Amino acid sequence: MARPARLIILSIAAIVAACAMTFRYHDPAKPHRAGESFRNNYPHAEKGGFWRWKWDQLREGVPRDPEDGYRFAQATPNLVANPSVTWVGHATVLIRVGGRNVLTDPHFSERASPVSFAGPKRVVPPVPALSELPHIHVVVISHNHYDHLDQDSVRTLAEQPGGSPRFYVPLGLKDWFARRGITDVVEMDWWESASFAGLTIDFVPVQHWSKRTLSDENQSLWGGWVIRHPELSFFFAGDTGYSKDFADIGAKFGGFDVAAIPIGAYAPRWFMQIMHLDPAEAVQVHRDVKARQSLAIHWGTFANLTDESLYEPPIKLAEAREKAGLTDEDFFVLRHGETRMLR
């Protein structure tokens, strides 16, 4: 090989190696960490163009604001039922099991946004309110998008009377918590497991992505959580598109008593398909993970998050359930604040 060509190849190799070394979690032995950022397990199309989506919204006049005065019916939560699940709103679920209280992706703020004056706004207050929660022992975070990781909510939880909950977070997020003075944090990779006061907590892969600033795309991981106790096995899918990961999860854990599965934020499909389930895919996830029952989450809480109407996802879920031969007990929808006892 001629010397100039060899030098060019060596220079390119050095640049690639240097780029990989800048990624703190680079690990060539793990495919999801083998590049310059985290990646999904299974091949999929690239994300569609964000600005094309925004142009289409402007041209087509979507998403449309909810009707004036429209509010979903709310329920009165049962905060002593054990074991039970309570849907607070969006991806926030309170699980009570074994005398412990677990909260998923806590979001109690007015907007899912980096600023307080713009961005998707709540149409339904969180039920229960942050101040009405029982003592929270464990919080699991799926990823760093603003509708799933809310700074004010986690700060308030860390300051709750009786001490901070233990936060379980994906790789790459522990430092974010530390900069905000939150130190009881366990950072986990896919398929890792931890224990807390009779609970077994596993972090599992789903198909999504992460980004919180202009320069940190996919520099922290994303995923779902499995919470196991002799009284209950629970799967929280977090935020996800459809992939073979769910069949992998079902095979590894052998099924769940309850799975919390997103049914909203799916339109338009050309843009949202790789990152968000639609209701028909949610039904398939229910089957893939071998859930005895599933709870519909990630819908009906924030206006203008995506293009479908706030109240469409449960309608589409009912159609998908019927087509799949499932009942509304197999894959159920709760009102904001409603509690479902689990037996």
C-alpha atoms as a PDB file:
ATOM      1  CA  MET A   1       0.000   0.000   0.000  1.00  0.00           C
ATOM      2  CA  ALA A   2       1.372   3.442  -0.913  1.00  0.00           C
ATOM      3  CA  ARG A   3       2.456   5.540   2.024  1.00  0.00           C
ATOM      4  CA  PRO A   4      -0.058   8.421   1.435  1.00  0.00           C
ATOM      5  CA  ALA A   5      -2.964   5.962   1.250  1.00  0.00           C
ATOM      6  CA  ARG A   6      -1.784   4.241   4.426  1.00  0.00           C
ATOM      7  CA  LEU A   7      -1.563   7.604   6.193  1.00  0.00           C
ATOM      8  CA  ILE A   8      -5.062   8.510   5.100  1.00  0.00           C
ATOM      9  CA  ILE A   9      -6.452   5.206   6.402  1.00  0.00           C
ATOM     10  CA  LEU A  10      -4.594   5.563   9.698  1.00  0.00           C
ATOM     11  CA  SER A  11      -5.834   9.141  10.054  1.00  0.00           C
ATOM     12  CA  ILE A  12      -9.445   8.083   9.466  1.00  0.00           C
ATOM     13  CA  ALA A  13      -9.060   5.239  11.972  1.00  0.00           C
ATOM     14  CA  ALA A  14      -7.619   7.657  14.516  1.00  0.00           C
ATOM     15  CA  ILE A  15     -10.516  10.080  14.020  1.00  0.00           C
ATOM     16  CA  VAL A  16     -13.091   7.279  14.397  1.00  0.00           C
ATOM     17  CA  ALA A  17     -11.338   6.000  17.532  1.00  0.00           C
ATOM     18  CA  ALA A  18     -11.172   9.507  18.989  1.00  0.00           C
ATOM     19  CA  CYS A  19     -14.901  10.038  18.344  1.00  0.00           C
ATOM     20  CA  ALA A  20     -15.735   6.742  20.025  1.00  0.00           C
ATOM     21  CA  MET A  21     -13.578   7.634  23.001  1.00  0.00           C
ATOM     22  CA  THR A  22     -15.596  10.831  23.515  1.00  0.00           C
ATOM     23  CA  PHE A  23     -18.666   8.691  24.231  1.00  0.00           C
ATOM     24  CA  ARG A  24     -18.332   7.876  27.891  1.00  0.00           C
ATOM     25  CA  TYR A  25     -20.249   4.607  27.647  1.00  0.00           C
ATOM     26  CA  HIS A  26     -18.571   3.272  24.505  1.00  0.00           C
ATOM     27  CA  ASP A  27     -18.246  -0.517  24.688  1.00  0.00           C
ATOM     28  CA  PRO A  28     -17.507  -2.454  21.479  1.00  0.00           C
ATOM     29  CA  ALA A  29     -18.717  -5.668  23.139  1.00  0.00           C
ATOM     30  CA  LYS A  30     -22.264  -4.258  23.493  1.00  0.00           C
ATOM     31  CA  PRO A  31     -23.970  -3.369  20.191  1.00  0.00           C
ATOM     32  CA  HIS A  32     -26.160  -0.669  21.743  1.00  0.00           C
ATOM     33  CA  ARG A  33     -23.007   1.057  23.048  1.00  0.00           C
ATOM     34  CA  ALA A  34     -20.531   0.275  20.265  1.00  0.00           C
ATOM     35  CA  GLY A  35     -20.706   3.618  18.447  1.00  0.00           C
ATOM     36  CA  GLU A  36     -20.551   7.292  19.378  1.00  0.00           C
ATOM     37  CA  SER A  37     -23.898   7.194  21.163  1.00  0.00           C
ATOM     38  CA  PHE A  38     -26.509   4.733  22.393  1.00  0.00           C
ATOM     39  CA  ARG A  39     -28.518   2.939  19.727  1.00  0.00           C
ATOM     40  CA  ASN A  40     -31.525   0.625  19.524  1.00  0.00           C
ATOM     41  CA  ASN A  41     -31.187  -3.147  19.428  1.00  0.00           C
ATOM     42  CA  TYR A  42     -32.967  -3.771  16.135  1.00  0.00           C
ATOM     43  CA  PRO A  43     -32.694  -2.057  12.731  1.00  0.00           C
ATOM     44  CA  HIS A  44     -35.377   0.506  11.944  1.00  0.00           C
ATOM     45  CA  ALA A  45     -35.945   3.458   9.647  1.00  0.00           C
ATOM     46  CA  GLU A  46     -34.320   6.762  10.493  1.00  0.00           C
ATOM     47  CA  LYS A  47     -36.412   9.342  12.312  1.00  0.00           C
ATOM     48  CA  GLY A  48     -38.412  11.482   9.894  1.00  0.00           C
ATOM     49  CA  GLY A  49     -37.740  15.167   9.463  1.00  0.00           C
ATOM     50  CA  PHE A  50     -38.868  17.190  12.492  1.00  0.00           C
ATOM     51  CA  TRP A  51     -39.262  20.415  10.517  1.00  0.00           C
ATOM     52  CA  ARG A  52     -41.219  18.636   7.801  1.00  0.00           C
ATOM     53  CA  TRP A  53     -43.619  17.527  10.542  1.00  0.00           C
ATOM     54  CA  LYS A  54     -43.910  21.083  11.850  1.00  0.00           C
ATOM     55  CA  TRP A  55     -44.518  22.408   8.326  1.00  0.00           C
ATOM     56  CA  ASP A  56     -47.258  19.802   7.799  1.00  0.00           C
ATOM     57  CA  GLN A  57     -48.853  20.839  11.099  1.00  0.00           C
ATOM     58  CA  LEU A  58     -48.870  24.491  10.063  1.00  0.00           C
ATOM     59  CA  ARG A  59     -50.292  23.682   6.636  1.00  0.00           C
ATOM     60  CA  GLU A  60     -52.970  21.294   7.918  1.00  0.00           C
ATOM     61  CA  GLY A  61     -53.926  23.170  11.084  1.00  0.00           C
ATOM     62  CA  VAL A  62     -53.054  20.370  13.485  1.00  0.00           C
ATOM     63  CA  PRO A  63     -52.901  19.563  16.294  1.00  0.00           C
ATOM     64  CA  ARG A  64     -56.198  21.161  17.181  1.00  0.00           C
ATOM     65  CA  ASP A  65     -56.766  22.546  20.639  1.00  0.00           C
ATOM     66  CA  PRO A  66     -59.205  20.597  22.841  1.00  0.00           C
ATOM     67  CA  GLU A  67     -62.764  21.892  22.850  1.00  0.00           C
ATOM     68  CA  ASP A  68     -63.318  24.866  25.135  1.00  0.00           C
ATOM     69  CA  GLY A  69     -63.909  23.689  28.663  1.00  0.00           C
ATOM     70  CA  TYR A  70     -63.172  20.086  27.757  1.00  0.00           C
ATOM     71  CA  ARG A  71     -61.810  18.005  30.604  1.00  0.00           C
ATOM     72  CA  PHE A  72     -61.529  14.295  31.124  1.00  0.00           C
ATOM     73  CA  ALA A  73     -63.460  12.888  34.045  1.00  0.00           C
ATOM     74  CA  GLN A  74     -61.243  12.386  37.070  1.00  0.00           C
ATOM     75  CA  ALA A  75     -61.402   9.772  39.787  1.00  0.00           C
ATOM     76  CA  THR A  76     -60.574   9.770  43.484  1.00  0.00           C
ATOM     77  CA  PRO A  77     -57.436   7.687  43.965  1.00  0.00           C
ATOM     78  CA  ASN A  78     -57.245   4.908  46.513  1.00  0.00           C
ATOM     79  CA  LEU A  79     -53.822   5.446  48.078  1.00  0.00           C
ATOM     80  CA  VAL A  80     -54.010   2.541  50.521  1.00  0.00           C
ATOM     81  CA  ALA A  81     -55.013  -0.275  48.146  1.00  0.00           C
ATOM     82  CA  ASN A  82     -52.207  -2.831  47.970  1.00  0.00           C
ATOM     83  CA  PRO A  83     -51.335  -4.236  45.490  1.00  0.00           C
ATOM     84  CA  SER A  84     -52.705  -1.659  43.073  1.00  0.00           C
ATOM     85  CA  VAL A  85     -51.938   0.733  40.229  1.00  0.00           C
ATOM     86  CA  THR A  86     -53.108   4.343  39.988  1.00  0.00           C
ATOM     87  CA  TRP A  87     -52.849   6.304  36.744  1.00  0.00           C
ATOM     88  CA  VAL A  88     -51.766   9.827  37.680  1.00  0.00           C
ATOM     89  CA  GLY A  89     -51.578  10.946  34.039  1.00  0.00           C
ATOM     90  CA  HIS A  90     -49.451  10.526  30.898  1.00  0.00           C
ATOM     91  CA  ALA A  91     -46.651   8.055  31.838  1.00  0.00           C
ATOM     92  CA  THR A  92     -46.910   8.592  35.598  1.00  0.00           C
ATOM     93  CA  VAL A  93     -48.200   5.511  37.389  1.00  0.00           C
ATOM     94  CA  LEU A  94     -48.227   4.834  41.134  1.00  0.00           C
ATOM     95  CA  ILE A  95     -47.681   1.169  41.974  1.00  0.00           C
ATOM     96  CA  ARG A  96     -48.327  -0.028  45.509  1.00  0.00           C
ATOM     97  CA  VAL A  97     -46.950  -3.457  46.307  1.00  0.00           C
ATOM     98  CA  GLY A  98     -45.477  -5.100  49.396  1.00  0.00           C
ATOM     99  CA  GLY A  99     -46.016  -1.940  51.423  1.00  0.00           C
ATOM    100  CA  ARG A 100     -43.813   0.026  48.983  1.00  0.00           C
ATOM    101  CA  ASN A 101     -44.792   2.873  46.682  1.00  0.00           C
ATOM    102  CA  VAL A 102     -43.204   3.032  43.236  1.00  0.00           C
ATOM    103  CA  LEU A 103     -43.664   5.947  40.832  1.00  0.00           C
ATOM    104  CA  THR A 104     -42.925   5.827  37.098  1.00  0.00           C
ATOM    105  CA  ASP A 105     -41.754   8.898  35.132  1.00  0.00           C
ATOM    106  CA  PRO A 106     -43.161  11.416  37.645  1.00  0.00           C
ATOM    107  CA  HIS A 107     -44.543  14.505  35.913  1.00  0.00           C
ATOM    108  CA  PHE A 108     -46.664  16.924  37.925  1.00  0.00           C
ATOM    109  CA  SER A 109     -45.840  20.244  36.218  1.00  0.00           C
ATOM    110  CA  GLU A 110     -48.089  22.404  34.059  1.00  0.00           C
ATOM    111  CA  ARG A 111     -46.092  21.883  30.859  1.00  0.00           C
ATOM    112  CA  ALA A 112     -43.942  19.171  29.287  1.00  0.00           C
ATOM    113  CA  SER A 113     -41.325  21.653  28.186  1.00  0.00           C
ATOM    114  CA  PRO A 114     -37.946  23.190  29.083  1.00  0.00           C
ATOM    115  CA  VAL A 115     -39.741  26.516  29.631  1.00  0.00           C
ATOM    116  CA  SER A 116     -42.781  27.435  31.711  1.00  0.00           C
ATOM    117  CA  PHE A 117     -44.479  29.660  29.114  1.00  0.00           C
ATOM    118  CA  ALA A 118     -44.632  27.388  26.050  1.00  0.00           C
ATOM    119  CA  GLY A 119     -44.844  23.757  25.036  1.00  0.00           C
ATOM    120  CA  PRO A 120     -47.466  21.020  25.561  1.00  0.00           C
ATOM    121  CA  LYS A 121     -49.781  22.055  28.394  1.00  0.00           C
ATOM    122  CA  ARG A 122     -51.795  19.901  30.775  1.00  0.00           C
ATOM    123  CA  VAL A 123     -55.515  19.673  30.235  1.00  0.00           C
ATOM    124  CA  VAL A 124     -56.019  17.518  33.343  1.00  0.00           C
ATOM    125  CA  PRO A 125     -54.315  18.198  36.680  1.00  0.00           C
ATOM    126  CA  PRO A 126     -52.266  15.322  38.083  1.00  0.00           C
ATOM    127  CA  VAL A 127     -54.356  13.131  40.371  1.00  0.00           C
ATOM    128  CA  PRO A 128     -53.222  12.730  43.074  1.00  0.00           C
ATOM    129  CA  ALA A 129     -51.295  15.984  43.268  1.00  0.00           C
ATOM    130  CA  LEU A 130     -47.638  15.814  44.174  1.00  0.00           C
ATOM    131  CA  SER A 131     -48.419  17.024  47.690  1.00  0.00           C
ATOM    132  CA  GLU A 132     -51.044  14.274  48.123  1.00  0.00           C
ATOM    133  CA  LEU A 133     -48.812  11.321  47.324  1.00  0.00           C
ATOM    134  CA  PRO A 134     -47.961   8.762  49.958  1.00  0.00           C
ATOM    135  CA  HIS A 135     -44.275   8.431  50.778  1.00  0.00           C
ATOM    136  CA  ILE A 136     -42.571   7.307  47.580  1.00  0.00           C
ATOM    137  CA  HIS A 137     -39.883   4.664  48.043  1.00  0.00           C
ATOM    138  CA  VAL A 138     -38.797   4.105  44.434  1.00  0.00           C
ATOM    139  CA  VAL A 139     -38.889   6.190  41.251  1.00  0.00           C
ATOM    140  CA  VAL A 140     -38.039   4.755  37.841  1.00  0.00           C
ATOM    141  CA  ILE A 141     -37.192   7.016  34.897  1.00  0.00           C
ATOM    142  CA  SER A 142     -37.510   5.729  31.314  1.00  0.00           C
ATOM    143  CA  HIS A 143     -35.517   8.461  29.534  1.00  0.00           C
ATOM    144  CA  ASN A 144     -34.798  12.175  29.493  1.00  0.00           C
ATOM    145  CA  HIS A 145     -37.505  13.680  27.259  1.00  0.00           C
ATOM    146  CA  TYR A 146     -39.365  16.522  28.964  1.00  0.00           C
ATOM    147  CA  ASP A 147     -42.698  14.703  29.197  1.00  0.00           C
ATOM    148  CA  HIS A 148     -40.990  11.870  31.115  1.00  0.00           C
ATOM    149  CA  LEU A 149     -38.248  13.531  33.166  1.00  0.00           C
ATOM    150  CA  ASP A 150     -39.583  16.651  34.878  1.00  0.00           C
ATOM    151  CA  GLN A 151     -37.059  18.601  36.915  1.00  0.00           C
ATOM    152  CA  ASP A 152     -39.459  20.215  39.398  1.00  0.00           C
ATOM    153  CA  SER A 153     -41.205  16.911  40.093  1.00  0.00           C
ATOM    154  CA  VAL A 154     -38.055  14.911  40.835  1.00  0.00           C
ATOM    155  CA  ARG A 155     -36.616  17.732  42.954  1.00  0.00           C
ATOM    156  CA  THR A 156     -39.784  17.869  45.060  1.00  0.00           C
ATOM    157  CA  LEU A 157     -39.817  14.093  45.460  1.00  0.00           C
ATOM    158  CA  ALA A 158     -36.166  14.145  46.556  1.00  0.00           C
ATOM    159  CA  GLU A 159     -37.158  16.597  49.300  1.00  0.00           C
ATOM    160  CA  GLN A 160     -40.227  14.676  50.506  1.00  0.00           C
ATOM    161  CA  PRO A 161     -40.629  14.259  54.282  1.00  0.00           C
ATOM    162  CA  GLY A 162     -38.961  11.085  55.462  1.00  0.00           C
ATOM    163  CA  GLY A 163     -36.205  11.206  52.857  1.00  0.00           C
ATOM    164  CA  SER A 164     -35.659  10.895  49.160  1.00  0.00           C
ATOM    165  CA  PRO A 165     -36.920   7.942  47.158  1.00  0.00           C
ATOM    166  CA  ARG A 166     -34.308   5.871  45.385  1.00  0.00           C
ATOM    167  CA  PHE A 167     -34.190   6.906  41.738  1.00  0.00           C
ATOM    168  CA  TYR A 168     -33.424   4.232  39.140  1.00  0.00           C
ATOM    169  CA  VAL A 169     -32.294   5.813  35.882  1.00  0.00           C
ATOM    170  CA  PRO A 170     -30.762   4.814  32.525  1.00  0.00           C
ATOM    171  CA  LEU A 171     -27.031   5.084  31.896  1.00  0.00           C
ATOM    172  CA  GLY A 172     -26.036   8.692  31.362  1.00  0.00           C
ATOM    173  CA  LEU A 173     -28.573  10.348  33.691  1.00  0.00           C
ATOM    174  CA  LYS A 174     -26.952  10.021  37.125  1.00  0.00           C
ATOM    175  CA  ASP A 175     -24.846  13.146  36.590  1.00  0.00           C
ATOM    176  CA  TRP A 176     -27.961  15.133  35.625  1.00  0.00           C
ATOM    177  CA  PHE A 177     -29.500  14.231  38.983  1.00  0.00           C
ATOM    178  CA  ALA A 178     -26.264  14.932  40.872  1.00  0.00           C
ATOM    179  CA  ARG A 179     -26.089  18.460  39.430  1.00  0.00           C
ATOM    180  CA  ARG A 180     -29.475  19.057  41.028  1.00  0.00           C
ATOM    181  CA  GLY A 181     -28.396  17.750  44.408  1.00  0.00           C
ATOM    182  CA  ILE A 182     -30.178  14.387  44.064  1.00  0.00           C
ATOM    183  CA  THR A 183     -27.787  11.651  45.116  1.00  0.00           C
ATOM    184  CA  ASP A 184     -29.812   8.521  45.916  1.00  0.00           C
ATOM    185  CA  VAL A 185     -29.609   7.425  42.291  1.00  0.00           C
ATOM    186  CA  VAL A 186     -28.822   4.057  40.712  1.00  0.00           C
ATOM    187  CA  GLU A 187     -27.786   4.150  37.043  1.00  0.00           C
ATOM    188  CA  MET A 188     -28.468   0.982  35.018  1.00  0.00           C
ATOM    189  CA  ASP A 189     -27.803  -0.579  31.624  1.00  0.00           C
ATOM    190  CA  TRP A 190     -30.203  -2.822  29.703  1.00  0.00           C
ATOM    191  CA  TRP A 191     -30.803  -6.207  31.344  1.00  0.00           C
ATOM    192  CA  GLU A 192     -29.227  -5.131  34.638  1.00  0.00           C
ATOM    193  CA  SER A 193     -31.050  -5.916  37.873  1.00  0.00           C
ATOM    194  CA  ALA A 194     -31.157  -4.324  41.330  1.00  0.00           C
ATOM    195  CA  SER A 195     -32.921  -4.982  44.626  1.00  0.00           C
ATOM    196  CA  PHE A 196     -34.740  -2.654  46.999  1.00  0.00           C
ATOM    197  CA  ALA A 197     -36.664  -3.682  50.130  1.00  0.00           C
ATOM    198  CA  GLY A 198     -38.200  -6.844  48.697  1.00  0.00           C
ATOM    199  CA  LEU A 199     -38.519  -5.501  45.152  1.00  0.00           C
ATOM    200  CA  THR A 200     -36.470  -6.669  42.183  1.00  0.00           C
ATOM    201  CA  ILE A 201     -35.990  -3.926  39.601  1.00  0.00           C
ATOM    202  CA  ASP A 202     -34.804  -4.668  36.055  1.00  0.00           C
ATOM    203  CA  PHE A 203     -34.009  -2.239  33.240  1.00  0.00           C
ATOM    204  CA  VAL A 204     -34.955  -3.552  29.795  1.00  0.00           C
ATOM    205  CA  PRO A 205     -34.530  -2.370  26.187  1.00  0.00           C
ATOM    206  CA  VAL A 206     -37.235  -0.669  24.158  1.00  0.00           C
ATOM    207  CA  GLN A 207     -37.009   1.207  20.856  1.00  0.00           C
ATOM    208  CA  HIS A 208     -36.731   4.949  21.397  1.00  0.00           C
ATOM    209  CA  TRP A 209     -34.115   7.722  21.675  1.00  0.00           C
ATOM    210  CA  SER A 210     -33.017  10.474  24.042  1.00  0.00           C
ATOM    211  CA  LYS A 211     -32.359  14.191  23.829  1.00  0.00           C
ATOM    212  CA  ARG A 212     -32.686  17.086  26.249  1.00  0.00           C
ATOM    213  CA  THR A 213     -30.445  19.772  24.762  1.00  0.00           C
ATOM    214  CA  LEU A 214     -29.121  20.663  21.324  1.00  0.00           C
ATOM    215  CA  SER A 215     -25.948  18.642  21.859  1.00  0.00           C
ATOM    216  CA  ASP A 216     -26.829  15.474  23.782  1.00  0.00           C
ATOM    217  CA  GLU A 217     -28.841  13.308  21.375  1.00  0.00           C
ATOM    218  CA  ASN A 218     -28.635   9.640  22.434  1.00  0.00           C
ATOM    219  CA  GLN A 219     -25.908  10.356  24.988  1.00  0.00           C
ATOM    220  CA  SER A 220     -28.096   8.836  27.693  1.00  0.00           C
ATOM    221  CA  LEU A 221     -29.952   5.542  27.442  1.00  0.00           C
ATOM    222  CA  TRP A 222     -33.702   4.844  27.375  1.00  0.00           C
ATOM    223  CA  GLY A 223     -35.755   1.794  28.282  1.00  0.00           C
ATOM    224  CA  GLY A 224     -38.544   0.131  30.208  1.00  0.00           C
ATOM    225  CA  TRP A 225     -38.677  -1.185  33.770  1.00  0.00           C
ATOM    226  CA  VAL A 226     -39.719  -4.462  35.343  1.00  0.00           C
ATOM    227  CA  ILE A 227     -40.824  -4.370  38.986  1.00  0.00           C
ATOM    228  CA  ARG A 228     -41.140  -7.779  40.627  1.00  0.00           C
ATOM    229  CA  HIS A 229     -42.440  -8.788  44.042  1.00  0.00           C
ATOM    230  CA  PRO A 230     -44.074 -12.028  45.242  1.00  0.00           C
ATOM    231  CA  GLU A 231     -47.427 -10.207  45.080  1.00  0.00           C
ATOM    232  CA  LEU A 232     -47.019  -8.602  41.655  1.00  0.00           C
ATOM    233  CA  SER A 233     -44.966  -8.585  38.468  1.00  0.00           C
ATOM    234  CA  PHE A 234     -45.241  -5.249  36.644  1.00  0.00           C
ATOM    235  CA  PHE A 235     -43.830  -4.019  33.344  1.00  0.00           C
ATOM    236  CA  PHE A 236     -43.552  -0.313  32.503  1.00  0.00           C
ATOM    237  CA  ALA A 237     -42.820   0.207  28.801  1.00  0.00           C
ATOM    238  CA  GLY A 238     -41.931   3.879  29.187  1.00  0.00           C
ATOM    239  CA  ASP A 239     -41.924   5.509  25.742  1.00  0.00           C
ATOM    240  CA  THR A 240     -41.394   3.299  22.727  1.00  0.00           C
ATOM    241  CA  GLY A 241     -41.953   2.269  19.166  1.00  0.00           C
ATOM    242  CA  TYR A 242     -42.667  -1.338  18.254  1.00  0.00           C
ATOM    243  CA  SER A 243     -39.730  -3.757  18.070  1.00  0.00           C
ATOM    244  CA  LYS A 244     -38.714  -7.338  18.761  1.00  0.00           C
ATOM    245  CA  ASP A 245     -37.520  -6.156  22.185  1.00  0.00           C
ATOM    246  CA  PHE A 246     -40.970  -6.930  23.583  1.00  0.00           C
ATOM    247  CA  ALA A 247     -40.845 -10.560  22.519  1.00  0.00           C
ATOM    248  CA  ASP A 248     -37.396 -10.720  24.140  1.00  0.00           C
ATOM    249  CA  ILE A 249     -38.802  -9.288  27.368  1.00  0.00           C
ATOM    250  CA  GLY A 250     -41.721 -11.725  27.356  1.00  0.00           C
ATOM    251  CA  ALA A 251     -39.354 -14.635  26.805  1.00  0.00           C
ATOM    252  CA  LYS A 252     -36.972 -13.593  29.572  1.00  0.00           C
ATOM    253  CA  PHE A 253     -39.536 -12.887  32.280  1.00  0.00           C
ATOM    254  CA  GLY A 254     -42.269 -15.308  31.274  1.00  0.00           C
ATOM    255  CA  GLY A 255     -45.077 -12.751  31.490  1.00  0.00           C
ATOM    256  CA  PHE A 256     -46.465 -10.130  33.858  1.00  0.00           C
ATOM    257  CA  ASP A 257     -49.508  -9.561  36.009  1.00  0.00           C
ATOM    258  CA  VAL A 258     -49.805  -6.017  34.627  1.00  0.00           C
ATOM    259  CA  ALA A 259     -48.044  -4.058  31.879  1.00  0.00           C
ATOM    260  CA  ALA A 260     -48.303  -0.267  31.498  1.00  0.00           C
ATOM    261  CA  ILE A 261     -48.227   0.308  27.736  1.00  0.00           C
ATOM    262  CA  PRO A 262     -48.388   3.625  25.810  1.00  0.00           C
ATOM    263  CA  ILE A 263     -51.351   4.060  23.470  1.00  0.00           C
ATOM    264  CA  GLY A 264     -51.019   7.744  22.471  1.00  0.00           C
ATOM    265  CA  ALA A 265     -48.749  10.288  20.720  1.00  0.00           C
ATOM    266  CA  TYR A 266     -48.724   8.247  17.504  1.00  0.00           C
ATOM    267  CA  ALA A 267     -49.708  10.680  14.721  1.00  0.00           C
ATOM    268  CA  PRO A 268     -48.503  11.240  12.072  1.00  0.00           C
ATOM    269  CA  ARG A 269     -47.310   7.675  11.594  1.00  0.00           C
ATOM    270  CA  TRP A 270     -44.616   8.563   9.048  1.00  0.00           C
ATOM    271  CA  PHE A 271     -42.861  10.532  11.795  1.00  0.00           C
ATOM    272  CA  MET A 272     -43.917   8.829  15.035  1.00  0.00           C
ATOM    273  CA  GLN A 273     -43.845   5.159  14.049  1.00  0.00           C
ATOM    274  CA  ILE A 274     -40.298   4.315  15.123  1.00  0.00           C
ATOM    275  CA  MET A 275     -40.648   6.061  18.500  1.00  0.00           C
ATOM    276  CA  HIS A 276     -44.314   5.731  19.588  1.00  0.00           C
ATOM    277  CA  LEU A 277     -46.778   2.844  19.537  1.00  0.00           C
ATOM    278  CA  ASP A 278     -50.224   3.211  18.074  1.00  0.00           C
ATOM    279  CA  PRO A 279     -53.095   1.367  19.820  1.00  0.00           C
ATOM    280  CA  ALA A 280     -52.911  -1.672  17.517  1.00  0.00           C
ATOM    281  CA  GLU A 281     -49.186  -2.018  18.228  1.00  0.00           C
ATOM    282  CA  ALA A 282     -49.883  -1.571  21.943  1.00  0.00           C
ATOM    283  CA  VAL A 283     -52.172  -4.606  21.769  1.00  0.00           C
ATOM    284  CA  GLN A 284     -49.369  -6.560  20.108  1.00  0.00           C
ATOM    285  CA  VAL A 285     -46.978  -5.498  22.891  1.00  0.00           C
ATOM    286  CA  HIS A 286     -49.532  -6.768  25.428  1.00  0.00           C
ATOM    287  CA  ARG A 287     -49.310 -10.146  23.731  1.00  0.00           C
ATOM    288  CA  ASP A 288     -45.539 -10.083  23.212  1.00  0.00           C
ATOM    289  CA  VAL A 289     -44.744  -9.463  26.882  1.00  0.00           C
ATOM    290  CA  LYS A 290     -47.358 -12.029  27.924  1.00  0.00           C
ATOM    291  CA  ALA A 291     -49.250  -9.648  30.186  1.00  0.00           C
ATOM    292  CA  ARG A 292     -52.279 -10.953  32.016  1.00  0.00           C
ATOM    293  CA  GLN A 293     -53.634  -7.397  32.003  1.00  0.00           C
ATOM    294  CA  SER A 294     -52.402  -4.106  30.571  1.00  0.00           C
ATOM    295  CA  LEU A 295     -52.975  -0.484  31.551  1.00  0.00           C
ATOM    296  CA  ALA A 296     -53.182   2.201  28.845  1.00  0.00           C
ATOM    297  CA  ILE A 297     -50.816   5.124  29.477  1.00  0.00           C
ATOM    298  CA  HIS A 298     -49.265   8.050  27.582  1.00  0.00           C
ATOM    299  CA  TRP A 299     -52.451   9.687  26.346  1.00  0.00           C
ATOM    300  CA  GLY A 300     -55.052  12.339  27.227  1.00  0.00           C
ATOM    301  CA  THR A 301     -52.911  14.516  29.500  1.00  0.00           C
ATOM    302  CA  PHE A 302     -50.973  17.118  27.473  1.00  0.00           C
ATOM    303  CA  ALA A 303     -52.551  19.134  24.665  1.00  0.00           C
ATOM    304  CA  ASN A 304     -50.835  19.388  21.287  1.00  0.00           C
ATOM    305  CA  LEU A 305     -48.208  16.763  22.020  1.00  0.00           C
ATOM    306  CA  THR A 306     -48.810  15.069  18.646  1.00  0.00           C
ATOM    307  CA  ASP A 307     -51.418  15.267  15.895  1.00  0.00           C
ATOM    308  CA  GLU A 308     -54.189  12.900  17.018  1.00  0.00           C
ATOM    309  CA  SER A 309     -56.941  14.285  19.242  1.00  0.00           C
ATOM    310  CA  LEU A 310     -56.658  13.776  22.987  1.00  0.00           C
ATOM    311  CA  TYR A 311     -59.625  11.423  23.126  1.00  0.00           C
ATOM    312  CA  GLU A 312     -58.872   9.290  20.048  1.00  0.00           C
ATOM    313  CA  PRO A 313     -56.412   6.739  21.558  1.00  0.00           C
ATOM    314  CA  PRO A 314     -58.942   4.893  23.786  1.00  0.00           C
ATOM    315  CA  ILE A 315     -61.358   4.664  20.833  1.00  0.00           C
ATOM    316  CA  LYS A 316     -58.668   3.157  18.625  1.00  0.00           C
ATOM    317  CA  LEU A 317     -57.604   0.871  21.475  1.00  0.00           C
ATOM    318  CA  ALA A 318     -61.159  -0.466  21.785  1.00  0.00           C
ATOM    319  CA  GLU A 319     -61.167  -1.239  18.039  1.00  0.00           C
ATOM    320  CA  ALA A 320     -57.783  -2.994  18.275  1.00  0.00           C
ATOM    321  CA  ARG A 321     -58.884  -4.949  21.352  1.00  0.00           C
ATOM    322  CA  GLU A 322     -62.020  -6.203  19.643  1.00  0.00           C
ATOM    323  CA  LYS A 323     -60.061  -7.239  16.563  1.00  0.00           C
ATOM    324  CA  ALA A 324     -57.604  -9.142  18.765  1.00  0.00           C
ATOM    325  CA  GLY A 325     -60.339 -10.822  20.800  1.00  0.00           C
ATOM    326  CA  LEU A 326     -59.432  -9.010  24.027  1.00  0.00           C
ATOM    327  CA  THR A 327     -61.791  -7.518  26.586  1.00  0.00           C
ATOM    328  CA  ASP A 328     -61.645  -4.137  28.285  1.00  0.00           C
ATOM    329  CA  GLU A 329     -60.432  -5.986  31.390  1.00  0.00           C
ATOM    330  CA  ASP A 330     -57.539  -7.510  29.474  1.00  0.00           C
ATOM    331  CA  PHE A 331     -56.291  -4.063  28.364  1.00  0.00           C
ATOM    332  CA  PHE A 332     -57.971  -1.442  30.499  1.00  0.00           C
ATOM    333  CA  VAL A 333     -58.252   2.338  30.444  1.00  0.00           C
ATOM    334  CA  LEU A 334     -58.369   4.307  33.705  1.00  0.00           C
ATOM    335  CA  ARG A 335     -59.548   7.834  34.396  1.00  0.00           C
ATOM    336  CA  HIS A 336     -56.927  10.229  35.693  1.00  0.00           C
ATOM    337  CA  GLY A 337     -56.484   9.355  39.344  1.00  0.00           C
ATOM    338  CA  GLU A 338     -58.311   6.055  39.123  1.00  0.00           C
ATOM    339  CA  THR A 339     -56.947   3.077  41.073  1.00  0.00           C
ATOM    340  CA  ARG A 340     -57.191  -0.538  39.999  1.00  0.00           C
ATOM    341  CA  MET A 341     -56.872  -3.165  42.712  1.00  0.00           C
ATOM    342  CA  LEU A 342     -54.764  -6.117  41.599  1.00  0.00           C
ATOM    343  CA  ARG A 343     -55.445  -9.602  42.905  1.00  0.00           C
END
